[in-house]
Amino acid sequence: MRRASRCMTQLARSVSLTVTFLVYGEAIMTRAPRTKPKADPPPEPVVEVVVEPATPGHQAVDELRRSVEAARIAAEHATAAVELGRRALPEVADIARTALDDQVEQMKVRGQEAAEVAVDQMELARELIIDQVKQRPITSALAAVGAGFMLGVLFYGRRR
């Protein structure tokens, strides 16, 4: 390639032509004569040299170059995304902490309300039992003795 470039450059200098070298459709070098144009010079012919790939290996190399460039761009995008995530992490943590604190506070309130309801229910049950014992003392005493006997039999029978 360099040898062809040198030959074409020498040819362009010797015949005063403008030469543009193209590789795979892209201009890589333009050589123009070094003489100063006179007033209204005649149009000079232009010679284009197009170098086509000689083997499939050139196409593979070009494909590899494009793949490497695409991978580099993808890596840059990934790096930017990671950096954005790092910058956003404290803010996300604050939002999560605030939401968690709110949930904990709501659970405390609900727990206190449930405990108050349970205490109220226990107080009501105690009052009902006291009323039953006052209205029917003998029946209540016999029921208590019977319940105690049944519990004793259940627990004593398990030990054997």
N, C-alpha and C. Protein backbone atom coordinates (compact mmCIF):
# COMPACT_ATOMS: atom_id res chain seq x y z
N MET A 1 0.83 -1.19 0.00
CA MET A 1 0.00 0.00 0.00
C MET A 1 0.88 1.25 0.00
N ARG A 2 1.91 1.29 0.86
CA ARG A 2 2.79 2.44 0.89
C ARG A 2 3.57 2.58 -0.42
N ARG A 3 3.94 1.45 -0.97
CA ARG A 3 4.68 1.48 -2.23
C ARG A 3 3.81 2.06 -3.33
N ALA A 4 2.56 1.63 -3.38
CA ALA A 4 1.64 2.17 -4.38
C ALA A 4 1.42 3.66 -4.15
N SER A 5 1.35 4.05 -2.89
CA SER A 5 1.16 5.46 -2.56
C SER A 5 2.34 6.29 -3.05
N ARG A 6 3.55 5.78 -2.82
CA ARG A 6 4.74 6.50 -3.26
C ARG A 6 4.77 6.64 -4.78
N CYS A 7 4.46 5.55 -5.46
CA CYS A 7 4.46 5.59 -6.93
C CYS A 7 3.43 6.58 -7.45
N MET A 8 2.24 6.58 -6.86
CA MET A 8 1.19 7.48 -7.32
C MET A 8 1.56 8.93 -7.01
N THR A 9 2.21 9.16 -5.87
CA THR A 9 2.63 10.52 -5.53
C THR A 9 3.67 11.01 -6.54
N GLN A 10 4.62 10.18 -6.89
CA GLN A 10 5.64 10.56 -7.87
C GLN A 10 5.00 10.82 -9.23
N LEU A 11 4.03 9.98 -9.59
CA LEU A 11 3.33 10.17 -10.85
C LEU A 11 2.59 11.50 -10.83
N ALA A 12 1.92 11.83 -9.74
CA ALA A 12 1.17 13.07 -9.65
C ALA A 12 2.10 14.27 -9.74
N ARG A 13 3.25 14.19 -9.12
CA ARG A 13 4.19 15.31 -9.18
C ARG A 13 4.73 15.48 -10.60
N SER A 14 4.98 14.38 -11.27
CA SER A 14 5.60 14.47 -12.59
C SER A 14 4.63 15.01 -13.64
N VAL A 15 3.34 14.73 -13.51
CA VAL A 15 2.41 15.19 -14.54
C VAL A 15 1.50 16.30 -14.05
N SER A 16 1.72 16.81 -12.86
CA SER A 16 0.95 17.92 -12.28
C SER A 16 -0.55 17.60 -12.23
N LEU A 17 -0.90 16.47 -11.63
CA LEU A 17 -2.30 16.08 -11.46
C LEU A 17 -2.67 16.10 -9.98
N THR A 18 -3.93 16.28 -9.72
CA THR A 18 -4.42 16.12 -8.35
C THR A 18 -4.85 14.67 -8.17
N VAL A 19 -4.32 14.02 -7.16
CA VAL A 19 -4.59 12.60 -6.95
C VAL A 19 -5.21 12.44 -5.57
N THR A 20 -6.31 11.70 -5.52
CA THR A 20 -6.96 11.38 -4.25
C THR A 20 -6.91 9.88 -4.07
N PHE A 21 -6.39 9.43 -2.95
CA PHE A 21 -6.32 8.00 -2.67
C PHE A 21 -7.54 7.61 -1.86
N LEU A 22 -8.23 6.59 -2.32
CA LEU A 22 -9.42 6.10 -1.63
C LEU A 22 -9.16 4.67 -1.16
N VAL A 23 -9.50 4.38 0.08
CA VAL A 23 -9.42 3.02 0.60
C VAL A 23 -10.79 2.68 1.14
N TYR A 24 -11.42 1.67 0.59
CA TYR A 24 -12.76 1.22 0.97
C TYR A 24 -13.74 2.38 0.91
N GLY A 25 -13.63 3.22 -0.07
CA GLY A 25 -14.57 4.31 -0.30
C GLY A 25 -14.29 5.56 0.53
N GLU A 26 -13.21 5.60 1.31
CA GLU A 26 -12.91 6.77 2.12
C GLU A 26 -11.62 7.41 1.63
N ALA A 27 -11.62 8.73 1.53
CA ALA A 27 -10.42 9.44 1.09
C ALA A 27 -9.41 9.43 2.21
N ILE A 28 -8.21 8.95 1.93
CA ILE A 28 -7.20 8.92 2.97
C ILE A 28 -6.08 9.92 2.73
N MET A 29 -5.93 10.37 1.49
CA MET A 29 -4.85 11.31 1.20
C MET A 29 -5.14 11.98 -0.13
N THR A 30 -4.87 13.27 -0.20
CA THR A 30 -5.02 14.00 -1.46
C THR A 30 -3.69 14.69 -1.73
N ARG A 31 -3.19 14.50 -2.91
CA ARG A 31 -1.93 15.15 -3.32
C ARG A 31 -2.24 16.08 -4.47
N ALA A 32 -1.75 17.27 -4.37
CA ALA A 32 -1.94 18.24 -5.45
C ALA A 32 -0.56 18.71 -5.89
N PRO A 33 -0.46 19.21 -7.09
CA PRO A 33 0.85 19.71 -7.54
C PRO A 33 1.27 20.90 -6.70
N ARG A 34 2.57 21.10 -6.57
CA ARG A 34 3.09 22.16 -5.72
C ARG A 34 3.40 23.45 -6.51
N THR A 35 3.04 23.49 -7.72
CA THR A 35 3.28 24.70 -8.52
C THR A 35 2.13 25.66 -8.31
N LYS A 36 2.41 26.94 -8.39
CA LYS A 36 1.38 27.96 -8.23
C LYS A 36 0.62 28.10 -9.53
N PRO A 37 -0.69 28.12 -9.44
CA PRO A 37 -1.48 28.24 -10.67
C PRO A 37 -1.34 29.64 -11.26
N LYS A 38 -1.39 29.70 -12.57
CA LYS A 38 -1.36 30.98 -13.27
C LYS A 38 -2.78 31.50 -13.34
N ALA A 39 -2.94 32.67 -13.86
CA ALA A 39 -4.28 33.24 -13.98
C ALA A 39 -5.10 32.37 -14.90
N ASP A 40 -6.29 32.00 -14.49
CA ASP A 40 -7.23 31.15 -15.23
C ASP A 40 -6.53 29.93 -15.83
N PRO A 41 -6.08 29.01 -14.98
CA PRO A 41 -5.45 27.81 -15.52
C PRO A 41 -6.52 26.89 -16.11
N PRO A 42 -6.15 26.09 -17.04
CA PRO A 42 -7.13 25.15 -17.60
C PRO A 42 -7.46 24.10 -16.55
N PRO A 43 -8.66 23.56 -16.62
CA PRO A 43 -9.01 22.54 -15.62
C PRO A 43 -8.09 21.34 -15.75
N GLU A 44 -7.64 20.87 -14.58
CA GLU A 44 -6.71 19.75 -14.56
C GLU A 44 -7.49 18.45 -14.38
N PRO A 45 -7.06 17.42 -15.03
CA PRO A 45 -7.73 16.14 -14.83
C PRO A 45 -7.47 15.60 -13.43
N VAL A 46 -8.41 14.85 -12.90
CA VAL A 46 -8.30 14.25 -11.57
C VAL A 46 -8.21 12.75 -11.72
N VAL A 47 -7.26 12.15 -11.05
CA VAL A 47 -7.09 10.71 -11.09
C VAL A 47 -7.46 10.17 -9.71
N GLU A 48 -8.37 9.19 -9.64
CA GLU A 48 -8.74 8.55 -8.39
C GLU A 48 -8.21 7.14 -8.39
N VAL A 49 -7.61 6.75 -7.30
CA VAL A 49 -7.11 5.39 -7.14
C VAL A 49 -7.96 4.74 -6.06
N VAL A 50 -8.66 3.71 -6.40
CA VAL A 50 -9.51 3.00 -5.44
C VAL A 50 -8.86 1.66 -5.16
N VAL A 51 -8.59 1.40 -3.90
CA VAL A 51 -7.97 0.15 -3.49
C VAL A 51 -9.07 -0.74 -2.94
N GLU A 52 -9.32 -1.82 -3.59
CA GLU A 52 -10.33 -2.79 -3.15
C GLU A 52 -9.62 -3.86 -2.32
N PRO A 53 -10.32 -4.47 -1.41
CA PRO A 53 -9.68 -5.53 -0.63
C PRO A 53 -9.29 -6.69 -1.53
N ALA A 54 -8.07 -7.16 -1.35
CA ALA A 54 -7.57 -8.23 -2.20
C ALA A 54 -8.04 -9.59 -1.71
N THR A 55 -8.28 -9.72 -0.40
CA THR A 55 -8.66 -11.02 0.16
C THR A 55 -9.79 -10.82 1.15
N PRO A 56 -10.46 -11.90 1.47
CA PRO A 56 -11.49 -11.81 2.52
C PRO A 56 -10.91 -11.43 3.87
N GLY A 57 -9.61 -11.61 4.03
CA GLY A 57 -8.96 -11.23 5.29
C GLY A 57 -9.08 -9.74 5.56
N HIS A 58 -9.00 -8.90 4.51
CA HIS A 58 -9.16 -7.46 4.70
C HIS A 58 -10.55 -7.14 5.22
N GLN A 59 -11.54 -7.82 4.67
CA GLN A 59 -12.91 -7.59 5.13
C GLN A 59 -13.05 -8.03 6.58
N ALA A 60 -12.42 -9.12 6.95
CA ALA A 60 -12.48 -9.59 8.33
C ALA A 60 -11.81 -8.59 9.27
N VAL A 61 -10.68 -8.01 8.82
CA VAL A 61 -10.00 -7.01 9.64
C VAL A 61 -10.88 -5.78 9.82
N ASP A 62 -11.52 -5.34 8.74
CA ASP A 62 -12.42 -4.18 8.85
C ASP A 62 -13.58 -4.48 9.78
N GLU A 63 -14.14 -5.67 9.67
CA GLU A 63 -15.25 -6.07 10.55
C GLU A 63 -14.78 -6.10 11.99
N LEU A 64 -13.59 -6.58 12.22
CA LEU A 64 -13.03 -6.62 13.56
C LEU A 64 -12.84 -5.21 14.10
N ARG A 65 -12.35 -4.30 13.27
CA ARG A 65 -12.18 -2.91 13.70
C ARG A 65 -13.51 -2.28 14.08
N ARG A 66 -14.54 -2.55 13.27
CA ARG A 66 -15.87 -2.01 13.60
C ARG A 66 -16.39 -2.62 14.90
N SER A 67 -16.14 -3.91 15.11
CA SER A 67 -16.59 -4.56 16.35
C SER A 67 -15.88 -3.98 17.56
N VAL A 68 -14.58 -3.75 17.42
CA VAL A 68 -13.81 -3.17 18.53
C VAL A 68 -14.33 -1.76 18.84
N GLU A 69 -14.62 -0.98 17.82
CA GLU A 69 -15.14 0.37 18.02
C GLU A 69 -16.51 0.32 18.71
N ALA A 70 -17.36 -0.62 18.27
CA ALA A 70 -18.68 -0.76 18.90
C ALA A 70 -18.54 -1.18 20.36
N ALA A 71 -17.59 -2.07 20.65
CA ALA A 71 -17.36 -2.50 22.03
C ALA A 71 -16.84 -1.33 22.88
N ARG A 72 -15.98 -0.50 22.30
CA ARG A 72 -15.47 0.67 23.03
C ARG A 72 -16.60 1.62 23.37
N ILE A 73 -17.48 1.87 22.40
CA ILE A 73 -18.61 2.77 22.63
C ILE A 73 -19.54 2.18 23.69
N ALA A 74 -19.79 0.87 23.63
CA ALA A 74 -20.64 0.22 24.63
C ALA A 74 -20.02 0.34 26.02
N ALA A 75 -18.70 0.18 26.10
CA ALA A 75 -18.01 0.31 27.39
C ALA A 75 -18.13 1.73 27.93
N GLU A 76 -18.03 2.72 27.05
CA GLU A 76 -18.19 4.12 27.49
C GLU A 76 -19.59 4.36 28.03
N HIS A 77 -20.61 3.80 27.34
CA HIS A 77 -21.98 3.96 27.81
C HIS A 77 -22.18 3.26 29.15
N ALA A 78 -21.60 2.08 29.30
CA ALA A 78 -21.73 1.34 30.57
C ALA A 78 -21.05 2.11 31.70
N THR A 79 -19.90 2.67 31.42
CA THR A 79 -19.19 3.45 32.43
C THR A 79 -20.02 4.66 32.85
N ALA A 80 -20.63 5.32 31.88
CA ALA A 80 -21.48 6.47 32.20
C ALA A 80 -22.69 6.04 33.04
N ALA A 81 -23.27 4.90 32.72
CA ALA A 81 -24.43 4.41 33.48
C ALA A 81 -24.03 4.07 34.91
N VAL A 82 -22.87 3.46 35.08
CA VAL A 82 -22.39 3.13 36.44
C VAL A 82 -22.14 4.41 37.23
N GLU A 83 -21.55 5.39 36.61
CA GLU A 83 -21.28 6.66 37.29
C GLU A 83 -22.58 7.34 37.68
N LEU A 84 -23.56 7.32 36.80
CA LEU A 84 -24.87 7.89 37.11
C LEU A 84 -25.51 7.16 38.29
N GLY A 85 -25.38 5.83 38.30
CA GLY A 85 -25.90 5.05 39.43
C GLY A 85 -25.20 5.39 40.73
N ARG A 86 -23.89 5.57 40.67
CA ARG A 86 -23.15 5.94 41.88
C ARG A 86 -23.58 7.30 42.42
N ARG A 87 -23.83 8.22 41.50
CA ARG A 87 -24.27 9.55 41.95
C ARG A 87 -25.69 9.52 42.51
N ALA A 88 -26.54 8.64 41.98
CA ALA A 88 -27.94 8.58 42.41
C ALA A 88 -28.12 7.71 43.65
N LEU A 89 -27.14 6.89 44.00
CA LEU A 89 -27.28 5.96 45.11
C LEU A 89 -27.61 6.65 46.44
N PRO A 90 -26.93 7.72 46.86
CA PRO A 90 -27.29 8.35 48.13
C PRO A 90 -28.73 8.85 48.16
N GLU A 91 -29.19 9.40 47.05
CA GLU A 91 -30.56 9.90 47.00
C GLU A 91 -31.56 8.76 47.12
N VAL A 92 -31.28 7.65 46.43
CA VAL A 92 -32.16 6.49 46.50
C VAL A 92 -32.16 5.92 47.91
N ALA A 93 -31.00 5.88 48.54
CA ALA A 93 -30.91 5.38 49.92
C ALA A 93 -31.72 6.26 50.86
N ASP A 94 -31.66 7.58 50.69
CA ASP A 94 -32.45 8.49 51.53
C ASP A 94 -33.94 8.27 51.33
N ILE A 95 -34.35 8.08 50.09
CA ILE A 95 -35.78 7.84 49.82
C ILE A 95 -36.21 6.53 50.47
N ALA A 96 -35.39 5.49 50.33
CA ALA A 96 -35.73 4.19 50.92
C ALA A 96 -35.77 4.28 52.45
N ARG A 97 -34.81 5.00 53.03
CA ARG A 97 -34.77 5.15 54.49
C ARG A 97 -36.01 5.90 54.98
N THR A 98 -36.40 6.94 54.28
CA THR A 98 -37.60 7.70 54.66
C THR A 98 -38.84 6.83 54.57
N ALA A 99 -38.97 6.07 53.49
CA ALA A 99 -40.12 5.20 53.32
C ALA A 99 -40.15 4.13 54.41
N LEU A 100 -38.99 3.57 54.75
CA LEU A 100 -38.92 2.55 55.79
C LEU A 100 -39.28 3.14 57.15
N ASP A 101 -38.77 4.33 57.44
CA ASP A 101 -39.11 4.99 58.71
C ASP A 101 -40.61 5.24 58.81
N ASP A 102 -41.23 5.65 57.70
CA ASP A 102 -42.68 5.87 57.70
C ASP A 102 -43.43 4.57 57.97
N GLN A 103 -42.98 3.48 57.35
CA GLN A 103 -43.62 2.19 57.55
C GLN A 103 -43.47 1.72 59.00
N VAL A 104 -42.29 1.90 59.57
CA VAL A 104 -42.06 1.51 60.96
C VAL A 104 -42.97 2.31 61.89
N GLU A 105 -43.09 3.59 61.63
CA GLU A 105 -43.96 4.45 62.45
C GLU A 105 -45.41 3.99 62.35
N GLN A 106 -45.86 3.67 61.15
CA GLN A 106 -47.23 3.18 60.97
C GLN A 106 -47.44 1.86 61.70
N MET A 107 -46.44 0.98 61.65
CA MET A 107 -46.56 -0.31 62.34
C MET A 107 -46.61 -0.11 63.86
N LYS A 108 -45.86 0.84 64.39
CA LYS A 108 -45.92 1.14 65.82
C LYS A 108 -47.31 1.59 66.22
N VAL A 109 -47.88 2.49 65.43
CA VAL A 109 -49.22 3.00 65.72
C VAL A 109 -50.24 1.87 65.67
N ARG A 110 -50.15 1.03 64.65
CA ARG A 110 -51.10 -0.10 64.52
C ARG A 110 -50.91 -1.08 65.67
N GLY A 111 -49.68 -1.34 66.07
CA GLY A 111 -49.41 -2.24 67.20
C GLY A 111 -49.98 -1.70 68.50
N GLN A 112 -49.83 -0.41 68.72
CA GLN A 112 -50.39 0.20 69.94
C GLN A 112 -51.91 0.12 69.94
N GLU A 113 -52.51 0.36 68.77
CA GLU A 113 -53.96 0.27 68.66
C GLU A 113 -54.43 -1.16 68.93
N ALA A 114 -53.73 -2.15 68.38
CA ALA A 114 -54.10 -3.55 68.61
C ALA A 114 -53.94 -3.92 70.08
N ALA A 115 -52.88 -3.44 70.72
CA ALA A 115 -52.67 -3.72 72.14
C ALA A 115 -53.78 -3.10 72.98
N GLU A 116 -54.20 -1.90 72.65
CA GLU A 116 -55.28 -1.25 73.38
C GLU A 116 -56.60 -2.02 73.22
N VAL A 117 -56.86 -2.51 72.00
CA VAL A 117 -58.07 -3.30 71.76
C VAL A 117 -58.01 -4.60 72.57
N ALA A 118 -56.84 -5.25 72.61
CA ALA A 118 -56.69 -6.50 73.37
C ALA A 118 -56.91 -6.25 74.86
N VAL A 119 -56.36 -5.17 75.37
CA VAL A 119 -56.55 -4.83 76.79
C VAL A 119 -58.03 -4.58 77.07
N ASP A 120 -58.70 -3.87 76.19
CA ASP A 120 -60.14 -3.61 76.36
C ASP A 120 -60.93 -4.92 76.36
N GLN A 121 -60.60 -5.85 75.46
CA GLN A 121 -61.30 -7.13 75.39
C GLN A 121 -61.06 -7.96 76.67
N MET A 122 -59.84 -7.95 77.16
CA MET A 122 -59.54 -8.68 78.40
C MET A 122 -60.30 -8.09 79.58
N GLU A 123 -60.38 -6.79 79.63
CA GLU A 123 -61.13 -6.11 80.70
C GLU A 123 -62.60 -6.48 80.63
N LEU A 124 -63.17 -6.50 79.44
CA LEU A 124 -64.56 -6.87 79.24
C LEU A 124 -64.81 -8.32 79.65
N ALA A 125 -63.91 -9.22 79.26
CA ALA A 125 -64.04 -10.65 79.63
C ALA A 125 -63.96 -10.81 81.15
N ARG A 126 -63.05 -10.10 81.80
CA ARG A 126 -62.93 -10.17 83.27
C ARG A 126 -64.20 -9.71 83.94
N GLU A 127 -64.76 -8.61 83.44
CA GLU A 127 -66.00 -8.10 84.03
C GLU A 127 -67.15 -9.08 83.85
N LEU A 128 -67.24 -9.72 82.67
CA LEU A 128 -68.29 -10.72 82.43
C LEU A 128 -68.15 -11.92 83.37
N ILE A 129 -66.93 -12.38 83.59
CA ILE A 129 -66.70 -13.51 84.50
C ILE A 129 -67.09 -13.13 85.93
N ILE A 130 -66.70 -11.94 86.34
CA ILE A 130 -67.05 -11.48 87.69
C ILE A 130 -68.57 -11.41 87.84
N ASP A 131 -69.26 -10.91 86.84
CA ASP A 131 -70.73 -10.83 86.89
C ASP A 131 -71.34 -12.23 86.98
N GLN A 132 -70.82 -13.20 86.21
CA GLN A 132 -71.34 -14.57 86.24
C GLN A 132 -71.13 -15.20 87.61
N VAL A 133 -69.95 -14.98 88.20
CA VAL A 133 -69.67 -15.55 89.52
C VAL A 133 -70.57 -14.92 90.57
N LYS A 134 -70.85 -13.63 90.48
CA LYS A 134 -71.73 -12.96 91.44
C LYS A 134 -73.18 -13.44 91.29
N GLN A 135 -73.63 -13.69 90.07
CA GLN A 135 -75.01 -14.12 89.85
C GLN A 135 -75.19 -15.59 90.22
N ARG A 136 -74.26 -16.46 89.95
CA ARG A 136 -74.38 -17.90 90.23
C ARG A 136 -73.08 -18.39 90.88
N PRO A 137 -72.90 -18.15 92.13
CA PRO A 137 -71.65 -18.52 92.79
C PRO A 137 -71.44 -20.04 92.88
N ILE A 138 -72.45 -20.84 93.18
CA ILE A 138 -72.29 -22.29 93.34
C ILE A 138 -71.99 -22.92 91.97
N THR A 139 -72.71 -22.54 90.94
CA THR A 139 -72.48 -23.08 89.60
C THR A 139 -71.08 -22.72 89.13
N SER A 140 -70.66 -21.52 89.40
CA SER A 140 -69.32 -21.08 88.98
C SER A 140 -68.25 -21.86 89.70
N ALA A 141 -68.43 -22.12 91.00
CA ALA A 141 -67.45 -22.88 91.79
C ALA A 141 -67.37 -24.31 91.28
N LEU A 142 -68.52 -24.95 91.00
CA LEU A 142 -68.52 -26.32 90.48
C LEU A 142 -67.87 -26.37 89.08
N ALA A 143 -68.13 -25.38 88.25
CA ALA A 143 -67.51 -25.33 86.93
C ALA A 143 -66.00 -25.18 87.05
N ALA A 144 -65.54 -24.38 88.02
CA ALA A 144 -64.09 -24.19 88.20
C ALA A 144 -63.44 -25.48 88.68
N VAL A 145 -64.13 -26.20 89.65
CA VAL A 145 -63.58 -27.47 90.15
C VAL A 145 -63.54 -28.49 89.00
N GLY A 146 -64.57 -28.56 88.19
CA GLY A 146 -64.61 -29.51 87.07
C GLY A 146 -63.52 -29.20 86.04
N ALA A 147 -63.34 -27.93 85.74
CA ALA A 147 -62.30 -27.55 84.78
C ALA A 147 -60.92 -27.88 85.33
N GLY A 148 -60.70 -27.66 86.64
CA GLY A 148 -59.42 -27.99 87.27
C GLY A 148 -59.16 -29.48 87.24
N PHE A 149 -60.23 -30.30 87.52
CA PHE A 149 -60.09 -31.75 87.49
C PHE A 149 -59.71 -32.22 86.09
N MET A 150 -60.38 -31.69 85.08
CA MET A 150 -60.09 -32.09 83.69
C MET A 150 -58.65 -31.72 83.30
N LEU A 151 -58.22 -30.54 83.69
CA LEU A 151 -56.84 -30.14 83.37
C LEU A 151 -55.84 -31.03 84.09
N GLY A 152 -56.12 -31.39 85.34
CA GLY A 152 -55.24 -32.28 86.10
C GLY A 152 -55.13 -33.64 85.44
N VAL A 153 -56.26 -34.19 84.99
CA VAL A 153 -56.24 -35.49 84.33
C VAL A 153 -55.44 -35.40 83.02
N LEU A 154 -55.65 -34.36 82.25
CA LEU A 154 -54.93 -34.21 80.99
C LEU A 154 -53.42 -34.11 81.19
N PHE A 155 -53.01 -33.27 82.15
CA PHE A 155 -51.57 -33.08 82.36
C PHE A 155 -50.94 -34.27 83.09
N TYR A 156 -51.68 -34.88 84.02
CA TYR A 156 -51.14 -36.02 84.75
C TYR A 156 -51.04 -37.24 83.83
N GLY A 157 -51.98 -37.40 82.94
CA GLY A 157 -51.96 -38.53 82.01
C GLY A 157 -50.82 -38.43 81.01
N ARG A 158 -50.37 -37.31 80.70
CA ARG A 158 -49.25 -37.13 79.75
C ARG A 158 -47.91 -37.49 80.39
N ARG A 159 -47.80 -37.37 81.67
CA ARG A 159 -46.51 -37.67 82.35
C ARG A 159 -46.23 -39.16 82.41
N ARG A 160 -47.19 -39.97 82.35
CA ARG A 160 -46.98 -41.41 82.45
C ARG A 160 -46.60 -42.02 81.17
